[in-house]
Protein backbone atom coordinates (compact mmCIF):
# COMPACT_ATOMS: atom_id res chain seq x y z
CA MET A 1 -51.29 49.41 13.74
CA THR A 2 -47.61 48.65 12.59
CA ASN A 3 -45.85 45.37 12.50
CA SER A 4 -42.40 46.48 13.61
CA ARG A 5 -40.18 43.58 14.63
CA THR A 6 -37.92 46.13 16.31
CA SER A 7 -40.54 46.63 19.02
CA THR A 8 -40.69 42.96 19.96
CA ARG A 9 -38.49 41.38 22.63
CA PRO A 10 -37.09 37.87 22.31
CA TRP A 11 -38.48 34.96 24.33
CA SER A 12 -36.15 33.81 27.11
CA PRO A 13 -35.83 30.06 27.85
CA ASP A 14 -37.57 30.68 31.20
CA GLU A 15 -40.52 32.35 29.47
CA GLU A 16 -40.72 29.51 27.04
CA ALA A 17 -40.77 26.94 29.81
CA GLU A 18 -43.52 28.84 31.63
CA LEU A 19 -45.52 29.20 28.42
CA LEU A 20 -45.41 25.45 27.88
CA SER A 21 -46.16 24.71 31.52
CA LEU A 22 -49.13 27.07 31.67
CA PHE A 23 -50.42 25.91 28.33
CA SER A 24 -50.17 22.13 29.42
CA ALA A 25 -52.00 23.07 32.59
CA GLY A 26 -55.01 24.29 30.56
CA ALA A 27 -54.39 28.13 30.65
CA THR A 28 -55.79 30.07 27.70
CA ALA A 29 -53.57 32.07 25.42
CA GLU A 30 -54.94 35.22 26.89
CA GLU A 31 -54.13 34.05 30.42
CA VAL A 32 -50.65 33.04 29.44
CA GLY A 33 -50.11 36.35 27.75
CA GLU A 34 -51.19 38.34 30.72
CA ARG A 35 -48.92 36.32 33.05
CA LEU A 36 -45.88 36.76 30.70
CA GLY A 37 -46.58 40.25 29.60
CA ARG A 38 -47.18 39.14 26.02
CA THR A 39 -50.13 39.54 23.70
CA ARG A 40 -52.44 36.67 22.89
CA GLN A 41 -51.14 36.66 19.37
CA ALA A 42 -47.56 36.45 20.53
CA VAL A 43 -48.45 33.34 22.63
CA TYR A 44 -50.12 31.77 19.55
CA ALA A 45 -47.25 32.47 17.35
CA ARG A 46 -44.83 30.93 19.82
CA LEU A 47 -46.90 27.87 20.24
CA GLN A 48 -47.13 27.54 16.43
CA ARG A 49 -43.35 27.76 16.23
CA PHE A 50 -42.99 24.90 18.72
CA GLN A 51 -45.28 22.82 16.52
CA LYS A 52 -43.11 23.54 13.43
CA GLN A 53 -39.87 22.72 15.30
CA ARG A 54 -41.12 19.44 16.80
CA GLY A 55 -38.22 17.04 16.78
CA ARG A 56 -35.76 19.47 15.35
CA ALA A 57 -32.45 20.52 16.82
CA SER A 58 -30.74 23.88 16.77
CA ARG A 59 -28.18 24.18 14.14
CA THR A 60 -25.84 26.20 16.40
CA SER A 61 -26.08 24.44 19.69
CA GLY A 62 -27.23 20.96 18.68
CA ARG A 63 -29.89 21.08 21.45
CA LEU A 64 -33.42 20.11 20.80
CA PHE A 65 -35.91 22.92 20.61
CA ALA A 66 -38.55 23.15 23.38
CA GLN A 67 -41.50 20.86 22.68
CA LEU A 68 -45.20 21.03 23.29
CA PRO A 69 -46.24 18.43 25.75
CA GLY A 70 -47.82 15.29 24.45
């Protein structure tokens, strides 16, 4: 198995919003991944990124990053 970042596709704002909505509704990472066409690991990685960015703003746009509910 390779870990080629060139084969990944970026998350769209709509996908991120749906990820957070499904996760807050109690869906598992596997269920979210199936719905969004992502792997379970991709879902976990994105959720972890939200945790790290909690309360931080984008340096380019000044907007707050998406936040995990709660």
